[in-house]
Amino acid sequence: MAPRHPILADVTSSASPPDPSPERVTRLLEQLEDGDRSAVDPLFRLVYDDLRRLARAAMSRERPGHTLQATALVNEAWLKLAGGRPPAASGREHFLGIAARAMRQVLVDHARKRSADRRGGDRVRVTLAAADGPADGHDPHEILALDRALDELDAVDPRLRQVVEYRYFAGLTDDEIAGLLGVTRRTVLRDWAKARAWLNKALSDDGS
């Protein structure tokens, strides 16, 4: 049996809080997509608690002393979302999915910088462990290795990549992911199992 990469320990998530005025979020997203930049500030205020929740879930799996804190992760992800072309999101859940991807990009950018600072380059060698997951978070090399593997998984099955991204990088609940992808909760659980098996093999091969 192949060793399990520690970053792929099962992720359990708590129930999500009530939606913050989902109709208002949808209207503001529509305004943004139409080019109305006046919607940026009210949208940020409306989704801030959601973004903080996603950021806390993502940072809970990082090492203590990480240079990036949850508030900074929210701010950097928001700059990616609102600083350029407005996100084409159809509603709150879709927006959270886009935010999850932005947070993945921010964490990967920081991991890449930490790796370069330590080694003088961007080379990464995967270290595997049989444990369910380290209590003190993940090495930047593991984040970078997972990021590469997720890109490879996307070419095989984009939905499996999305499930991992939403569950690991943003801590979305199974029900939220199901709503976001338009599938059942059972399908999400099945996809999560498939994705973990595929990634464990890919990371084991990469680290051999």
C-alpha atoms as a PDB file:
ATOM      1  CA  MET A   1       0.000   0.000   0.000  1.00  0.00           C
ATOM      2  CA  ALA A   2       1.439   3.366  -1.042  1.00  0.00           C
ATOM      3  CA  PRO A   3       2.250   5.783   1.759  1.00  0.00           C
ATOM      4  CA  ARG A   4      -0.141   8.647   2.154  1.00  0.00           C
ATOM      5  CA  HIS A   5       1.056  12.149   1.566  1.00  0.00           C
ATOM      6  CA  PRO A   6       0.372  14.057   4.800  1.00  0.00           C
ATOM      7  CA  ILE A   7      -1.357  16.862   2.975  1.00  0.00           C
ATOM      8  CA  LEU A   8      -4.090  14.450   1.902  1.00  0.00           C
ATOM      9  CA  ALA A   9      -5.272  13.530   5.381  1.00  0.00           C
ATOM     10  CA  ASP A  10      -9.053  13.490   5.447  1.00  0.00           C
ATOM     11  CA  VAL A  11     -10.506  16.968   5.819  1.00  0.00           C
ATOM     12  CA  THR A  12     -13.578  17.333   7.956  1.00  0.00           C
ATOM     13  CA  SER A  13     -15.466  20.584   7.971  1.00  0.00           C
ATOM     14  CA  SER A  14     -18.030  22.095  10.269  1.00  0.00           C
ATOM     15  CA  ALA A  15     -21.469  23.226   9.241  1.00  0.00           C
ATOM     16  CA  SER A  16     -21.443  26.521   7.402  1.00  0.00           C
ATOM     17  CA  PRO A  17     -23.125  29.622   8.833  1.00  0.00           C
ATOM     18  CA  PRO A  18     -26.333  30.971   7.263  1.00  0.00           C
ATOM     19  CA  ASP A  19     -25.942  32.599   3.861  1.00  0.00           C
ATOM     20  CA  PRO A  20     -25.247  36.352   4.126  1.00  0.00           C
ATOM     21  CA  SER A  21     -28.082  37.740   1.991  1.00  0.00           C
ATOM     22  CA  PRO A  22     -27.442  35.474  -1.025  1.00  0.00           C
ATOM     23  CA  GLU A  23     -29.738  37.491  -3.297  1.00  0.00           C
ATOM     24  CA  ARG A  24     -27.821  40.678  -2.478  1.00  0.00           C
ATOM     25  CA  VAL A  25     -24.512  38.901  -3.177  1.00  0.00           C
ATOM     26  CA  THR A  26     -25.826  37.760  -6.551  1.00  0.00           C
ATOM     27  CA  ARG A  27     -26.971  41.280  -7.467  1.00  0.00           C
ATOM     28  CA  LEU A  28     -23.610  42.785  -6.536  1.00  0.00           C
ATOM     29  CA  LEU A  29     -21.767  40.130  -8.540  1.00  0.00           C
ATOM     30  CA  GLU A  30     -23.954  40.949 -11.541  1.00  0.00           C
ATOM     31  CA  GLN A  31     -23.145  44.647 -11.117  1.00  0.00           C
ATOM     32  CA  LEU A  32     -19.428  43.863 -11.027  1.00  0.00           C
ATOM     33  CA  GLU A  33     -19.639  41.729 -14.132  1.00  0.00           C
ATOM     34  CA  ASP A  34     -21.406  44.618 -15.862  1.00  0.00           C
ATOM     35  CA  GLY A  35     -18.471  46.875 -14.981  1.00  0.00           C
ATOM     36  CA  ASP A  36     -20.000  48.700 -12.007  1.00  0.00           C
ATOM     37  CA  ARG A  37     -17.006  49.093  -9.678  1.00  0.00           C
ATOM     38  CA  SER A  38     -19.203  50.708  -7.015  1.00  0.00           C
ATOM     39  CA  ALA A  39     -20.251  47.150  -6.096  1.00  0.00           C
ATOM     40  CA  VAL A  40     -16.734  46.196  -4.918  1.00  0.00           C
ATOM     41  CA  ASP A  41     -16.836  47.623  -1.382  1.00  0.00           C
ATOM     42  CA  PRO A  42     -20.367  46.483  -0.446  1.00  0.00           C
ATOM     43  CA  LEU A  43     -19.645  43.009  -1.845  1.00  0.00           C
ATOM     44  CA  PHE A  44     -16.451  42.753   0.218  1.00  0.00           C
ATOM     45  CA  ARG A  45     -18.313  43.740   3.397  1.00  0.00           C
ATOM     46  CA  LEU A  46     -21.050  41.236   2.649  1.00  0.00           C
ATOM     47  CA  VAL A  47     -18.771  38.262   1.982  1.00  0.00           C
ATOM     48  CA  TYR A  48     -15.988  39.152   4.422  1.00  0.00           C
ATOM     49  CA  ASP A  49     -17.096  36.668   7.098  1.00  0.00           C
ATOM     50  CA  ASP A  50     -17.282  33.931   4.456  1.00  0.00           C
ATOM     51  CA  LEU A  51     -13.800  34.784   3.217  1.00  0.00           C
ATOM     52  CA  ARG A  52     -12.465  34.788   6.772  1.00  0.00           C
ATOM     53  CA  ARG A  53     -13.961  31.349   7.335  1.00  0.00           C
ATOM     54  CA  LEU A  54     -12.317  30.019   4.179  1.00  0.00           C
ATOM     55  CA  ALA A  55      -9.002  31.611   5.139  1.00  0.00           C
ATOM     56  CA  ARG A  56      -9.081  30.175   8.678  1.00  0.00           C
ATOM     57  CA  ALA A  57      -9.775  26.712   7.251  1.00  0.00           C
ATOM     58  CA  ALA A  58      -6.872  27.035   4.824  1.00  0.00           C
ATOM     59  CA  MET A  59      -4.452  28.427   7.420  1.00  0.00           C
ATOM     60  CA  SER A  60      -5.382  25.783  10.015  1.00  0.00           C
ATOM     61  CA  ARG A  61      -3.357  23.291   7.941  1.00  0.00           C
ATOM     62  CA  GLU A  62      -0.302  25.532   7.700  1.00  0.00           C
ATOM     63  CA  ARG A  63       2.704  25.472  10.020  1.00  0.00           C
ATOM     64  CA  PRO A  64       2.717  27.665  13.134  1.00  0.00           C
ATOM     65  CA  GLY A  65       4.619  30.856  12.460  1.00  0.00           C
ATOM     66  CA  HIS A  66       3.535  30.981   8.816  1.00  0.00           C
ATOM     67  CA  THR A  67       4.316  34.462   7.507  1.00  0.00           C
ATOM     68  CA  LEU A  68       0.802  34.715   6.090  1.00  0.00           C
ATOM     69  CA  GLN A  69      -2.122  35.125   8.489  1.00  0.00           C
ATOM     70  CA  ALA A  70      -5.830  34.613   7.779  1.00  0.00           C
ATOM     71  CA  THR A  71      -6.550  38.350   7.439  1.00  0.00           C
ATOM     72  CA  ALA A  72      -3.667  38.785   4.993  1.00  0.00           C
ATOM     73  CA  LEU A  73      -4.853  35.728   3.030  1.00  0.00           C
ATOM     74  CA  VAL A  74      -8.313  37.296   2.740  1.00  0.00           C
ATOM     75  CA  ASN A  75      -6.847  40.590   1.564  1.00  0.00           C
ATOM     76  CA  GLU A  76      -4.482  39.036  -0.982  1.00  0.00           C
ATOM     77  CA  ALA A  77      -7.173  36.723  -2.342  1.00  0.00           C
ATOM     78  CA  TRP A  78      -9.575  39.668  -2.594  1.00  0.00           C
ATOM     79  CA  LEU A  79      -7.005  41.673  -4.562  1.00  0.00           C
ATOM     80  CA  LYS A  80      -6.790  38.782  -7.029  1.00  0.00           C
ATOM     81  CA  LEU A  81     -10.578  38.649  -7.255  1.00  0.00           C
ATOM     82  CA  ALA A  82     -11.452  42.337  -7.428  1.00  0.00           C
ATOM     83  CA  GLY A  83      -8.216  43.940  -8.583  1.00  0.00           C
ATOM     84  CA  GLY A  84      -8.490  42.775 -12.153  1.00  0.00           C
ATOM     85  CA  ARG A  85     -11.271  41.395 -14.266  1.00  0.00           C
ATOM     86  CA  PRO A  86     -14.411  40.911 -12.117  1.00  0.00           C
ATOM     87  CA  PRO A  87     -15.165  37.261 -11.276  1.00  0.00           C
ATOM     88  CA  ALA A  88     -17.931  35.819 -13.444  1.00  0.00           C
ATOM     89  CA  ALA A  89     -19.776  34.236 -10.521  1.00  0.00           C
ATOM     90  CA  SER A  90     -23.455  33.337 -10.675  1.00  0.00           C
ATOM     91  CA  GLY A  91     -24.068  33.441  -6.921  1.00  0.00           C
ATOM     92  CA  ARG A  92     -22.596  33.101  -3.446  1.00  0.00           C
ATOM     93  CA  GLU A  93     -21.535  29.451  -3.741  1.00  0.00           C
ATOM     94  CA  HIS A  94     -19.957  30.000  -7.139  1.00  0.00           C
ATOM     95  CA  PHE A  95     -18.155  33.045  -5.765  1.00  0.00           C
ATOM     96  CA  LEU A  96     -16.816  31.007  -2.821  1.00  0.00           C
ATOM     97  CA  GLY A  97     -15.488  28.457  -5.282  1.00  0.00           C
ATOM     98  CA  ILE A  98     -13.656  31.204  -7.171  1.00  0.00           C
ATOM     99  CA  ALA A  99     -12.367  32.567  -3.841  1.00  0.00           C
ATOM    100  CA  ALA A 100     -11.093  29.096  -2.932  1.00  0.00           C
ATOM    101  CA  ARG A 101      -9.023  29.026  -6.110  1.00  0.00           C
ATOM    102  CA  ALA A 102      -7.676  32.520  -5.404  1.00  0.00           C
ATOM    103  CA  MET A 103      -6.607  31.401  -1.927  1.00  0.00           C
ATOM    104  CA  ARG A 104      -4.885  28.371  -3.421  1.00  0.00           C
ATOM    105  CA  GLN A 105      -2.943  30.695  -5.718  1.00  0.00           C
ATOM    106  CA  VAL A 106      -1.944  32.960  -2.824  1.00  0.00           C
ATOM    107  CA  LEU A 107      -0.751  30.037  -0.674  1.00  0.00           C
ATOM    108  CA  VAL A 108       1.164  28.531  -3.581  1.00  0.00           C
ATOM    109  CA  ASP A 109       2.805  31.886  -4.333  1.00  0.00           C
ATOM    110  CA  HIS A 110       3.945  32.149  -0.707  1.00  0.00           C
ATOM    111  CA  ALA A 111       5.140  28.531  -0.654  1.00  0.00           C
ATOM    112  CA  ARG A 112       7.120  29.111  -3.846  1.00  0.00           C
ATOM    113  CA  LYS A 113       8.792  32.177  -2.338  1.00  0.00           C
ATOM    114  CA  ARG A 114       9.653  30.297   0.870  1.00  0.00           C
ATOM    115  CA  SER A 115      11.112  27.443  -1.147  1.00  0.00           C
ATOM    116  CA  ALA A 116      13.185  29.827  -3.256  1.00  0.00           C
ATOM    117  CA  ASP A 117      14.424  31.689  -0.164  1.00  0.00           C
ATOM    118  CA  ARG A 118      15.551  28.440   1.466  1.00  0.00           C
ATOM    119  CA  ARG A 119      17.080  26.675  -1.530  1.00  0.00           C
ATOM    120  CA  GLY A 120      17.908  29.487  -3.902  1.00  0.00           C
ATOM    121  CA  GLY A 121      15.545  28.074  -6.489  1.00  0.00           C
ATOM    122  CA  ASP A 122      12.136  26.609  -7.210  1.00  0.00           C
ATOM    123  CA  ARG A 123      13.055  22.916  -7.138  1.00  0.00           C
ATOM    124  CA  VAL A 124      10.839  20.695  -5.027  1.00  0.00           C
ATOM    125  CA  ARG A 125      11.201  17.110  -3.858  1.00  0.00           C
ATOM    126  CA  VAL A 126       8.153  15.508  -2.300  1.00  0.00           C
ATOM    127  CA  THR A 127       8.494  13.932   1.131  1.00  0.00           C
ATOM    128  CA  LEU A 128       5.876  11.325   1.931  1.00  0.00           C
ATOM    129  CA  ALA A 129       4.697  10.096   5.305  1.00  0.00           C
ATOM    130  CA  ALA A 130       2.414   7.302   6.438  1.00  0.00           C
ATOM    131  CA  ALA A 131       0.767   9.423   9.104  1.00  0.00           C
ATOM    132  CA  ASP A 132      -2.721  10.817   8.628  1.00  0.00           C
ATOM    133  CA  GLY A 133      -1.263  14.294   8.713  1.00  0.00           C
ATOM    134  CA  PRO A 134       1.214  16.346  10.708  1.00  0.00           C
ATOM    135  CA  ALA A 135      -0.177  18.343  13.583  1.00  0.00           C
ATOM    136  CA  ASP A 136       2.039  21.312  12.734  1.00  0.00           C
ATOM    137  CA  GLY A 137       0.986  21.859   9.137  1.00  0.00           C
ATOM    138  CA  HIS A 138       2.729  21.352   5.825  1.00  0.00           C
ATOM    139  CA  ASP A 139       6.096  22.166   4.368  1.00  0.00           C
ATOM    140  CA  PRO A 140       6.058  24.594   1.417  1.00  0.00           C
ATOM    141  CA  HIS A 141       7.491  21.810  -0.752  1.00  0.00           C
ATOM    142  CA  GLU A 142       4.370  19.756  -0.095  1.00  0.00           C
ATOM    143  CA  ILE A 143       2.100  22.665  -1.070  1.00  0.00           C
ATOM    144  CA  LEU A 144       4.018  23.110  -4.325  1.00  0.00           C
ATOM    145  CA  ALA A 145       3.968  19.387  -5.067  1.00  0.00           C
ATOM    146  CA  LEU A 146       0.226  19.248  -4.458  1.00  0.00           C
ATOM    147  CA  ASP A 147      -0.303  22.285  -6.668  1.00  0.00           C
ATOM    148  CA  ARG A 148       1.519  20.587  -9.562  1.00  0.00           C
ATOM    149  CA  ALA A 149      -0.372  17.347  -8.994  1.00  0.00           C
ATOM    150  CA  LEU A 150      -3.686  19.205  -8.971  1.00  0.00           C
ATOM    151  CA  ASP A 151      -2.860  20.734 -12.350  1.00  0.00           C
ATOM    152  CA  GLU A 152      -2.202  17.207 -13.660  1.00  0.00           C
ATOM    153  CA  LEU A 153      -5.435  15.943 -12.097  1.00  0.00           C
ATOM    154  CA  ASP A 154      -7.321  18.797 -13.769  1.00  0.00           C
ATOM    155  CA  ALA A 155      -6.290  17.404 -17.152  1.00  0.00           C
ATOM    156  CA  VAL A 156      -7.708  14.001 -16.141  1.00  0.00           C
ATOM    157  CA  ASP A 157     -10.917  15.106 -14.406  1.00  0.00           C
ATOM    158  CA  PRO A 158     -11.530  18.814 -13.660  1.00  0.00           C
ATOM    159  CA  ARG A 159     -14.274  18.065 -11.144  1.00  0.00           C
ATOM    160  CA  LEU A 160     -11.969  15.946  -8.992  1.00  0.00           C
ATOM    161  CA  ARG A 161      -9.513  18.849  -8.931  1.00  0.00           C
ATOM    162  CA  GLN A 162     -12.297  21.201  -7.868  1.00  0.00           C
ATOM    163  CA  VAL A 163     -13.387  18.954  -5.012  1.00  0.00           C
ATOM    164  CA  VAL A 164      -9.851  18.844  -3.596  1.00  0.00           C
ATOM    165  CA  GLU A 165      -9.370  22.564  -4.088  1.00  0.00           C
ATOM    166  CA  TYR A 166     -12.645  23.468  -2.395  1.00  0.00           C
ATOM    167  CA  ARG A 167     -12.233  21.003   0.451  1.00  0.00           C
ATOM    168  CA  TYR A 168      -8.543  21.454   1.212  1.00  0.00           C
ATOM    169  CA  PHE A 169      -7.731  25.017   0.297  1.00  0.00           C
ATOM    170  CA  ALA A 170     -11.025  26.590   1.397  1.00  0.00           C
ATOM    171  CA  GLY A 171     -12.559  24.112   3.823  1.00  0.00           C
ATOM    172  CA  LEU A 172     -15.956  24.200   2.110  1.00  0.00           C
ATOM    173  CA  THR A 173     -18.447  21.694   3.453  1.00  0.00           C
ATOM    174  CA  ASP A 174     -19.539  18.682   1.398  1.00  0.00           C
ATOM    175  CA  ASP A 175     -22.983  20.252   1.019  1.00  0.00           C
ATOM    176  CA  GLU A 176     -21.496  23.536  -0.196  1.00  0.00           C
ATOM    177  CA  ILE A 177     -19.331  21.705  -2.714  1.00  0.00           C
ATOM    178  CA  ALA A 178     -22.302  19.669  -3.907  1.00  0.00           C
ATOM    179  CA  GLY A 179     -24.310  22.848  -4.464  1.00  0.00           C
ATOM    180  CA  LEU A 180     -21.394  24.515  -6.188  1.00  0.00           C
ATOM    181  CA  LEU A 181     -20.817  21.632  -8.605  1.00  0.00           C
ATOM    182  CA  GLY A 182     -24.476  20.703  -9.078  1.00  0.00           C
ATOM    183  CA  VAL A 183     -24.051  17.138  -7.786  1.00  0.00           C
ATOM    184  CA  THR A 184     -25.142  15.175  -4.737  1.00  0.00           C
ATOM    185  CA  ARG A 185     -23.245  15.037  -1.455  1.00  0.00           C
ATOM    186  CA  ARG A 186     -22.634  11.328  -2.088  1.00  0.00           C
ATOM    187  CA  THR A 187     -20.989  12.205  -5.390  1.00  0.00           C
ATOM    188  CA  VAL A 188     -18.727  14.706  -3.618  1.00  0.00           C
ATOM    189  CA  LEU A 189     -17.631  12.051  -1.122  1.00  0.00           C
ATOM    190  CA  ARG A 190     -16.985   9.574  -3.932  1.00  0.00           C
ATOM    191  CA  ASP A 191     -15.029  12.177  -5.909  1.00  0.00           C
ATOM    192  CA  TRP A 192     -12.981  13.061  -2.814  1.00  0.00           C
ATOM    193  CA  ALA A 193     -12.006   9.402  -2.361  1.00  0.00           C
ATOM    194  CA  LYS A 194     -11.075   9.074  -6.047  1.00  0.00           C
ATOM    195  CA  ALA A 195      -9.072  12.286  -6.014  1.00  0.00           C
ATOM    196  CA  ARG A 196      -7.136  11.324  -2.881  1.00  0.00           C
ATOM    197  CA  ALA A 197      -6.250   7.927  -4.346  1.00  0.00           C
ATOM    198  CA  TRP A 198      -5.085   9.527  -7.610  1.00  0.00           C
ATOM    199  CA  LEU A 199      -3.060  12.219  -5.846  1.00  0.00           C
ATOM    200  CA  ASN A 200      -1.485   9.796  -3.392  1.00  0.00           C
ATOM    201  CA  LYS A 201      -0.205   7.733  -6.329  1.00  0.00           C
ATOM    202  CA  ALA A 202       0.966  10.794  -8.247  1.00  0.00           C
ATOM    203  CA  LEU A 203       2.772  12.229  -5.209  1.00  0.00           C
ATOM    204  CA  SER A 204       4.298   8.858  -4.353  1.00  0.00           C
ATOM    205  CA  ASP A 205       5.672   8.580  -7.883  1.00  0.00           C
ATOM    206  CA  ASP A 206       6.967  12.164  -7.691  1.00  0.00           C
ATOM    207  CA  GLY A 207       8.687  11.558  -4.389  1.00  0.00           C
ATOM    208  CA  SER A 208      10.210   8.193  -5.231  1.00  0.00           C
END
